Amino acid sequence: MESWPPHKHFFARLRGSEGALIDQVMAVFHPGPQSYTGEDVAEISCHGNPLLVDTLLDVIHTTHLARLAQQGEFTRRAYLNAKMDLAQAEAVGAIISAGSSAGIEMAKSLLDGDLSRSVEDLDTAILDLLALIEASFIADDVEITTESIIEAITPILHKTEDLLKDHDAAPSLLSGISTTIAGLPNAGKSSLFNAILGYPRAIVHAEGGTTRDIIHEHVTIEGIDFVFHDTAGIRETSSGPEKIGVEKTIEKLAQSDLVLYVVDAGIGLQPDEHKWLDLGKKTIVVMNKIDLLDAQPHKSSANDTVWISAKYGQGIAELLGLMTHTVPDTRPKVFIQRHAYLLEKARTCLVQAEESAGAGMTADVLTIDLSHASSFLQEIIGKEVDEDMLNRIFSQFCVGK
């Protein structure tokens, strides 16, 4: 490999054992530690046809110089070779699996080390406090009071809680806000769906019950990703295929981050419809067909109601604005469940240490909770992690990473 200049792409024709051309490729050699894994790495870029890729892999396999990588093995090697910490390694998987632009931005922040630096700072503060407490055990000139311990713990606790802020909203932001359009048959759900998309995606017909299967579309509104689901109209007397559609609608409502419940403004919200409004996490009542009203509607002052004409696009901008306001303005700093779990455990330990200090417990008792908090933080970035945990984390990656 000494004759192969590092980090420089070369054009090559790859041939099989009998000399037949496999593909024209670009190849590059990245010597360690200046590579993704920190080890010597050779990369071959061929055309993307799966048949060509399989043929190339078969030829490489016959040389017995390489094998297929395990899931996440490249990133695992990068972590083991200190090219990144464990939280950053998990960010690689998050970038690949993110289903929204917000999810990609959060994953990029994690990959850039934002969370790791915050966790390192918290852990350093805890270790400094532990060192001070332990010094007071053995040195007469080192004094530490209950007040000073609490004064040291409180900002660490607040910063930990700040990292956990809004982490419950993270799964929705990662994959897109699951938004279900529901309502009685012929309320104008499909018309609203088409109006939001800007093109006729769903069938619109005067006869109710034309939507029976759930239709999905991904739309970005003011930088926020929404995954829309146009559903079958809900009614108790449905039967046959329509009944199946209604059952799917109710199931989708229960899974939704946001529900747009469409009502024919000329009929109004009926008493038996209220039971559908609380199935999702958040519901906006959309009073539709105001273009058919004889007089200007008496609009409700409720913050979760908007009046529109899906047919003519009236009120759609107001609806979209209301939808975006249901999403937190700030992006969660923690969005991976493992990180949230460990931070919550660290927070609990810090609370216990703070309460113990306030209750006058001896300093050596406090060190137990503080040490546990430090361990949980270190586990986030991989300073303390066992093999089983690494296997679970990297088994969720694809082979290519």
Protein backbone atom coordinates (compact mmCIF):
# COMPACT_ATOMS: atom_id res chain seq x y z
CA MET A 1 0.00 0.00 0.00
CA GLU A 2 3.05 2.29 0.22
CA SER A 3 2.79 3.06 -3.51
CA TRP A 4 -0.85 4.11 -3.19
CA PRO A 5 -1.09 7.80 -2.22
CA PRO A 6 -3.51 8.22 0.71
CA HIS A 7 -6.92 9.87 0.41
CA LYS A 8 -6.73 10.10 -3.38
CA HIS A 9 -9.34 8.57 -5.67
CA PHE A 10 -8.22 6.46 -8.60
CA PHE A 11 -10.22 5.26 -11.58
CA ALA A 12 -10.01 1.48 -12.08
CA ARG A 13 -11.56 -1.37 -14.04
CA LEU A 14 -12.34 -4.29 -11.76
CA ARG A 15 -12.21 -7.73 -13.32
CA GLY A 16 -13.09 -11.18 -12.10
CA SER A 17 -10.73 -14.15 -11.77
CA GLU A 18 -11.13 -14.97 -15.48
CA GLY A 19 -10.50 -11.40 -16.58
CA ALA A 20 -14.08 -10.44 -17.37
CA LEU A 21 -14.93 -6.80 -16.60
CA ILE A 22 -17.11 -6.40 -13.51
CA ASP A 23 -17.42 -2.62 -13.39
CA GLN A 24 -15.61 0.67 -13.73
CA VAL A 25 -15.03 2.05 -10.24
CA MET A 26 -13.32 4.68 -8.13
CA ALA A 27 -11.03 3.44 -5.34
CA VAL A 28 -9.36 5.24 -2.45
CA PHE A 29 -7.08 4.22 0.43
CA HIS A 30 -7.44 5.88 3.85
CA PRO A 31 -4.60 4.86 6.18
CA GLY A 32 -5.30 4.93 9.89
CA PRO A 33 -5.74 6.87 12.01
CA GLN A 34 -7.00 9.34 9.38
CA SER A 35 -10.04 7.23 8.48
CA TYR A 36 -13.58 6.77 9.69
CA THR A 37 -12.71 3.78 11.85
CA GLY A 38 -9.19 4.88 12.75
CA GLU A 39 -7.82 1.82 10.92
CA ASP A 40 -6.56 1.29 7.38
CA VAL A 41 -9.60 1.46 5.10
CA ALA A 42 -9.95 0.92 1.36
CA GLU A 43 -13.14 2.14 -0.31
CA ILE A 44 -14.48 1.08 -3.71
CA SER A 45 -17.29 3.11 -5.30
CA CYS A 46 -19.08 1.18 -8.03
CA HIS A 47 -22.33 1.76 -9.87
CA GLY A 48 -25.39 1.24 -7.71
CA ASN A 49 -26.99 -1.71 -9.47
CA PRO A 50 -27.49 -4.40 -6.77
CA LEU A 51 -26.41 -7.12 -9.20
CA LEU A 52 -23.06 -5.38 -9.76
CA VAL A 53 -22.59 -4.83 -6.03
CA ASP A 54 -23.28 -8.50 -5.27
CA THR A 55 -20.86 -9.62 -7.98
CA LEU A 56 -18.14 -7.33 -6.63
CA LEU A 57 -18.68 -8.59 -3.07
CA ASP A 58 -18.50 -12.19 -4.28
CA VAL A 59 -15.17 -11.56 -5.99
CA ILE A 60 -13.76 -9.84 -2.89
CA HIS A 61 -14.98 -12.74 -0.75
CA THR A 62 -13.11 -15.29 -2.91
CA THR A 63 -9.80 -13.58 -2.05
CA HIS A 64 -10.30 -14.48 1.64
CA LEU A 65 -8.87 -11.06 2.47
CA ALA A 66 -12.14 -9.58 3.67
CA ARG A 67 -15.57 -10.51 5.01
CA LEU A 68 -18.95 -8.85 5.18
CA ALA A 69 -19.20 -6.34 8.01
CA GLN A 70 -21.56 -6.92 10.88
CA GLN A 71 -24.34 -4.41 11.60
CA GLY A 72 -22.82 -1.15 12.74
CA GLU A 73 -19.31 -2.61 12.73
CA PHE A 74 -17.62 0.37 11.07
CA THR A 75 -19.06 2.83 13.58
CA ARG A 76 -18.38 0.42 16.43
CA ARG A 77 -14.71 0.28 15.40
CA ALA A 78 -14.67 4.08 15.21
CA TYR A 79 -15.97 4.22 18.79
CA LEU A 80 -13.51 1.58 20.05
CA ASN A 81 -10.66 3.46 18.36
CA ALA A 82 -11.72 6.74 20.06
CA LYS A 83 -12.73 8.44 16.81
CA MET A 84 -16.01 9.32 18.49
CA ASP A 85 -17.72 8.65 21.80
CA LEU A 86 -20.73 6.38 22.15
CA ALA A 87 -23.32 9.15 21.99
CA GLN A 88 -21.80 10.39 18.74
CA ALA A 89 -21.76 6.84 17.39
CA GLU A 90 -25.48 6.59 18.09
CA ALA A 91 -25.94 9.86 16.21
CA VAL A 92 -24.76 8.12 13.04
CA GLY A 93 -27.64 5.65 13.29
CA ALA A 94 -30.04 8.50 14.10
CA ILE A 95 -29.03 10.45 10.99
CA ILE A 96 -29.67 7.40 8.82
CA SER A 97 -33.05 6.59 10.36
CA ALA A 98 -34.40 10.13 10.85
CA GLY A 99 -37.63 10.68 8.95
CA SER A 100 -37.70 14.46 9.17
CA SER A 101 -35.46 17.48 8.67
CA ALA A 102 -35.81 18.29 12.38
CA GLY A 103 -34.63 14.77 13.21
CA ILE A 104 -31.59 15.19 10.98
CA GLU A 105 -30.72 18.50 12.64
CA MET A 106 -30.98 16.95 16.11
CA ALA A 107 -28.84 14.00 15.05
CA LYS A 108 -26.23 16.32 13.52
CA SER A 109 -26.04 18.24 16.79
CA LEU A 110 -25.48 14.97 18.63
CA LEU A 111 -22.83 13.89 16.12
CA ASP A 112 -21.09 17.24 16.53
CA GLY A 113 -20.69 16.47 20.23
CA ASP A 114 -23.10 19.00 21.75
CA LEU A 115 -24.65 16.51 24.17
CA SER A 116 -21.29 14.87 24.89
CA ARG A 117 -19.75 18.18 25.90
CA SER A 118 -22.69 18.96 28.19
CA VAL A 119 -22.49 15.53 29.81
CA GLU A 120 -18.71 15.85 30.23
CA ASP A 121 -19.16 19.23 31.93
CA LEU A 122 -21.77 17.80 34.32
CA ASP A 123 -19.60 14.81 35.13
CA THR A 124 -16.55 17.02 35.75
CA ALA A 125 -18.57 19.17 38.16
CA ILE A 126 -19.72 16.07 40.05
CA LEU A 127 -16.20 14.63 40.20
CA ASP A 128 -14.84 17.97 41.44
CA LEU A 129 -17.43 17.96 44.23
CA LEU A 130 -16.60 14.35 45.10
CA ALA A 131 -12.91 15.19 45.25
CA LEU A 132 -13.63 18.09 47.61
CA ILE A 133 -15.78 15.92 49.87
CA GLU A 134 -13.18 13.16 49.96
CA ALA A 135 -10.40 15.69 50.68
CA SER A 136 -12.37 16.89 53.70
CA PHE A 137 -12.16 13.35 55.12
CA ILE A 138 -8.39 13.31 55.21
CA ALA A 139 -7.24 16.94 55.43
CA ASP A 140 -8.01 19.07 58.46
CA ASP A 141 -7.61 22.29 56.52
CA VAL A 142 -10.31 21.35 54.01
CA GLU A 143 -13.75 22.20 55.34
CA ILE A 144 -17.03 21.62 53.56
CA THR A 145 -20.48 22.55 54.79
CA THR A 146 -23.96 21.32 54.00
CA GLU A 147 -24.76 24.66 52.41
CA SER A 148 -21.74 24.52 50.12
CA ILE A 149 -22.63 20.98 49.03
CA ILE A 150 -26.20 21.99 48.18
CA GLU A 151 -24.88 25.10 46.45
CA ALA A 152 -22.67 22.87 44.27
CA ILE A 153 -25.34 20.27 43.50
CA THR A 154 -28.17 22.67 42.57
CA PRO A 155 -26.69 24.05 39.29
CA ILE A 156 -25.68 20.53 38.22
CA LEU A 157 -29.23 19.35 38.83
CA HIS A 158 -30.73 22.30 36.93
CA LYS A 159 -28.46 21.69 33.92
CA THR A 160 -29.40 18.01 33.93
CA GLU A 161 -33.10 18.91 33.94
CA ASP A 162 -32.49 21.39 31.13
CA LEU A 163 -31.03 18.61 28.97
CA LEU A 164 -34.16 16.53 29.59
CA LYS A 165 -36.53 19.37 28.67
CA ASP A 166 -39.09 18.42 25.98
CA HIS A 167 -37.46 15.02 25.36
CA ASP A 168 -40.94 13.46 25.26
CA ALA A 169 -41.57 15.34 22.00
CA ALA A 170 -38.44 13.96 20.37
CA PRO A 171 -39.88 10.77 18.78
CA SER A 172 -42.48 12.82 16.90
CA LEU A 173 -39.93 15.34 15.68
CA LEU A 174 -37.60 12.57 14.54
CA SER A 175 -40.16 10.83 12.34
CA GLY A 176 -42.52 13.75 11.66
CA ILE A 177 -45.62 14.88 13.52
CA SER A 178 -48.21 12.14 12.98
CA THR A 179 -51.29 14.13 11.91
CA THR A 180 -54.62 12.41 11.31
CA ILE A 181 -57.48 14.06 9.43
CA ALA A 182 -60.74 12.66 10.78
CA GLY A 183 -64.43 13.48 11.01
CA LEU A 184 -67.86 12.31 9.91
CA PRO A 185 -68.36 11.11 6.31
CA ASN A 186 -68.57 13.93 3.75
CA ALA A 187 -67.25 16.56 6.17
CA GLY A 188 -64.54 17.45 3.66
CA LYS A 189 -61.58 15.52 5.03
CA SER A 190 -60.16 14.59 1.65
CA SER A 191 -60.70 18.12 0.36
CA LEU A 192 -58.72 19.43 3.32
CA PHE A 193 -56.04 16.80 2.71
CA ASN A 194 -55.70 17.91 -0.91
CA ALA A 195 -55.73 21.60 0.06
CA ILE A 196 -52.84 21.10 2.48
CA LEU A 197 -50.85 19.07 -0.05
CA GLY A 198 -51.56 21.50 -2.86
CA TYR A 199 -52.65 18.82 -5.31
CA PRO A 200 -55.49 16.24 -5.59
CA ARG A 201 -54.06 13.24 -3.73
CA ALA A 202 -57.34 11.89 -2.33
CA ILE A 203 -60.66 11.22 -4.08
CA VAL A 204 -63.28 13.88 -3.42
CA HIS A 205 -66.91 12.93 -4.06
CA ALA A 206 -70.32 14.14 -2.93
CA GLU A 207 -71.12 10.65 -1.70
CA GLY A 208 -69.86 9.93 1.82
CA GLY A 209 -67.59 6.99 2.60
CA THR A 210 -65.37 7.21 -0.48
CA THR A 211 -62.18 7.03 1.62
CA ARG A 212 -61.73 3.52 3.05
CA ASP A 213 -57.98 3.03 3.22
CA ILE A 214 -55.73 5.46 5.07
CA ILE A 215 -53.68 7.63 2.70
CA HIS A 216 -50.30 8.93 3.91
CA GLU A 217 -48.25 11.94 2.79
CA HIS A 218 -45.20 13.75 4.24
CA VAL A 219 -45.30 17.58 4.18
CA THR A 220 -42.91 20.17 5.62
CA ILE A 221 -44.60 23.30 6.98
CA GLU A 222 -42.42 26.18 8.23
CA GLY A 223 -39.54 23.76 8.76
CA ILE A 224 -41.64 21.24 10.69
CA ASP A 225 -42.33 17.81 9.21
CA PHE A 226 -45.89 16.50 9.36
CA VAL A 227 -46.95 13.02 8.29
CA PHE A 228 -50.60 13.35 7.23
CA HIS A 229 -53.12 10.51 7.28
CA ASP A 230 -56.42 10.96 5.41
CA THR A 231 -58.88 8.55 6.99
CA ALA A 232 -62.32 7.07 6.49
CA GLY A 233 -65.26 9.02 7.90
CA ILE A 234 -66.32 7.90 11.37
CA ARG A 235 -69.84 6.68 11.90
CA GLU A 236 -71.34 4.03 14.13
CA THR A 237 -73.58 2.52 11.42
CA SER A 238 -70.77 1.64 9.04
CA SER A 239 -70.52 -1.91 7.71
CA GLY A 240 -68.41 -4.06 5.40
CA PRO A 241 -65.30 -2.42 3.92
CA GLU A 242 -66.31 0.96 5.34
CA LYS A 243 -66.46 -0.50 8.87
CA ILE A 244 -62.89 -1.76 8.48
CA GLY A 245 -61.87 1.74 7.38
CA VAL A 246 -63.55 3.28 10.43
CA GLU A 247 -61.73 0.84 12.73
CA LYS A 248 -58.44 1.82 11.11
CA THR A 249 -59.32 5.49 11.64
CA ILE A 250 -59.96 5.04 15.35
CA GLU A 251 -56.70 3.11 15.71
CA LYS A 252 -54.79 5.86 13.88
CA LEU A 253 -56.39 8.57 16.04
CA ALA A 254 -55.08 6.90 19.19
CA GLN A 255 -51.55 6.91 17.71
CA SER A 256 -51.62 10.53 16.53
CA ASP A 257 -49.62 13.48 17.78
CA LEU A 258 -52.15 15.83 16.19
CA VAL A 259 -55.73 15.34 15.01
CA LEU A 260 -57.48 17.65 12.55
CA TYR A 261 -61.12 16.89 13.26
CA VAL A 262 -63.16 18.15 10.31
CA VAL A 263 -66.74 19.31 10.83
CA ASP A 264 -69.29 20.48 8.27
CA ALA A 265 -69.81 24.07 9.46
CA GLY A 266 -73.40 24.02 8.19
CA ILE A 267 -74.25 21.12 10.50
CA GLY A 268 -71.93 21.84 13.40
CA LEU A 269 -70.20 19.57 15.86
CA GLN A 270 -72.68 16.92 17.00
CA PRO A 271 -72.90 15.74 20.64
CA ASP A 272 -71.82 12.19 19.79
CA GLU A 273 -68.64 13.46 18.08
CA HIS A 274 -67.01 14.72 21.26
CA LYS A 275 -65.80 11.23 22.13
CA TRP A 276 -63.50 11.27 19.09
CA LEU A 277 -61.82 14.57 20.01
CA ASP A 278 -59.65 13.33 22.86
CA LEU A 279 -58.18 10.21 21.24
CA GLY A 280 -55.05 11.95 19.94
CA LYS A 281 -52.50 13.92 21.96
CA LYS A 282 -53.75 17.23 20.53
CA THR A 283 -56.86 18.05 18.50
CA ILE A 284 -57.75 21.03 16.30
CA VAL A 285 -61.41 21.29 15.28
CA VAL A 286 -61.63 22.37 11.64
CA MET A 287 -64.99 23.91 10.72
CA ASN A 288 -65.16 23.34 6.97
CA LYS A 289 -67.43 24.45 4.09
CA ILE A 290 -67.91 28.01 5.33
CA ASP A 291 -68.35 28.96 1.67
CA LEU A 292 -71.78 27.25 1.80
CA LEU A 293 -73.05 29.22 4.79
CA ASP A 294 -75.71 31.87 4.17
CA ALA A 295 -74.16 34.25 6.66
CA GLN A 296 -70.76 34.86 8.20
CA PRO A 297 -70.25 32.18 10.87
CA HIS A 298 -70.11 33.09 14.53
CA LYS A 299 -66.56 31.92 15.11
CA SER A 300 -65.62 30.33 18.38
CA SER A 301 -62.90 32.05 20.36
CA ALA A 302 -61.40 28.67 21.26
CA ASN A 303 -57.72 28.43 20.43
CA ASP A 304 -58.16 24.93 19.02
CA THR A 305 -60.83 25.78 16.41
CA VAL A 306 -60.30 27.18 12.93
CA TRP A 307 -62.86 28.00 10.19
CA ILE A 308 -62.03 27.16 6.59
CA SER A 309 -63.23 26.42 3.10
CA ALA A 310 -61.07 23.56 1.87
CA LYS A 311 -62.63 23.91 -1.59
CA TYR A 312 -61.46 27.50 -2.04
CA GLY A 313 -58.41 27.47 0.26
CA GLN A 314 -59.91 29.98 2.68
CA GLY A 315 -58.45 29.74 6.20
CA ILE A 316 -55.83 27.10 5.24
CA ALA A 317 -52.92 29.41 6.09
CA GLU A 318 -54.44 30.09 9.51
CA LEU A 319 -54.84 26.36 10.07
CA LEU A 320 -51.24 25.62 9.11
CA GLY A 321 -50.05 28.34 11.47
CA LEU A 322 -52.08 26.87 14.31
CA MET A 323 -50.63 23.44 13.57
CA THR A 324 -47.04 24.63 13.75
CA HIS A 325 -47.74 26.31 17.09
CA THR A 326 -48.61 22.92 18.59
CA VAL A 327 -44.95 21.92 18.19
CA PRO A 328 -42.35 23.13 20.76
CA ASP A 329 -40.25 26.04 19.46
CA THR A 330 -37.02 24.51 20.70
CA ARG A 331 -35.61 21.17 19.62
CA PRO A 332 -35.04 18.63 22.41
CA LYS A 333 -31.38 18.29 23.36
CA VAL A 334 -31.95 14.61 24.14
CA PHE A 335 -33.89 12.42 21.72
CA ILE A 336 -32.46 8.92 22.14
CA GLN A 337 -34.27 6.91 24.81
CA ARG A 338 -31.07 5.47 26.28
CA HIS A 339 -29.70 8.96 26.89
CA ALA A 340 -32.96 10.16 28.44
CA TYR A 341 -33.12 7.12 30.72
CA LEU A 342 -29.55 7.58 31.97
CA LEU A 343 -29.97 11.33 32.45
CA GLU A 344 -33.16 10.70 34.42
CA LYS A 345 -31.30 8.20 36.61
CA ALA A 346 -28.52 10.76 37.15
CA ARG A 347 -31.11 13.42 37.97
CA THR A 348 -32.72 11.13 40.57
CA CYS A 349 -29.34 10.56 42.23
CA LEU A 350 -28.64 14.29 42.32
CA VAL A 351 -32.06 14.97 43.88
CA GLN A 352 -31.39 12.33 46.51
CA ALA A 353 -27.97 13.81 47.25
CA GLU A 354 -29.44 17.30 47.55
CA GLU A 355 -32.21 16.09 49.86
CA SER A 356 -29.75 14.08 51.96
CA ALA A 357 -27.54 17.13 52.35
CA GLY A 358 -30.55 19.20 53.41
CA ALA A 359 -31.48 16.53 55.95
CA GLY A 360 -28.03 16.70 57.50
CA MET A 361 -26.76 13.34 56.27
CA THR A 362 -23.03 12.78 56.57
CA ALA A 363 -20.89 13.61 53.57
CA ASP A 364 -19.85 10.00 53.01
CA VAL A 365 -23.52 9.11 52.41
CA LEU A 366 -23.77 11.81 49.74
CA THR A 367 -20.79 10.43 47.85
CA ILE A 368 -22.74 7.26 47.05
CA ASP A 369 -25.48 9.13 45.18
CA LEU A 370 -22.99 11.47 43.54
CA SER A 371 -20.84 8.55 42.37
CA HIS A 372 -23.87 6.83 40.90
CA ALA A 373 -24.87 10.03 39.08
CA SER A 374 -21.37 10.24 37.61
CA SER A 375 -21.54 6.62 36.44
CA PHE A 376 -24.86 7.18 34.66
CA LEU A 377 -23.44 10.23 32.86
CA GLN A 378 -20.30 8.37 31.84
CA GLU A 379 -22.40 5.54 30.43
CA ILE A 380 -24.03 8.00 28.00
CA ILE A 381 -20.73 8.74 26.28
CA GLY A 382 -19.39 5.21 26.67
CA LYS A 383 -16.84 5.58 29.44
CA GLU A 384 -18.68 2.90 31.38
CA VAL A 385 -20.55 0.44 29.17
CA ASP A 386 -20.60 -3.34 28.92
CA GLU A 387 -20.34 -5.54 25.84
CA ASP A 388 -24.02 -6.49 25.89
CA MET A 389 -25.04 -2.84 25.70
CA LEU A 390 -22.68 -2.24 22.77
CA ASN A 391 -24.16 -5.25 20.98
CA ARG A 392 -27.68 -3.91 21.48
CA ILE A 393 -26.78 -0.43 20.29
CA PHE A 394 -24.91 -1.40 17.14
CA SER A 395 -27.29 -4.22 16.20
CA GLN A 396 -29.77 -1.47 15.30
CA PHE A 397 -27.43 -0.09 12.63
CA CYS A 398 -27.40 -1.10 9.00
CA VAL A 399 -24.48 -3.15 7.63
CA GLY A 400 -23.00 -0.20 5.74
CA LYS A 401 -22.34 1.74 8.93
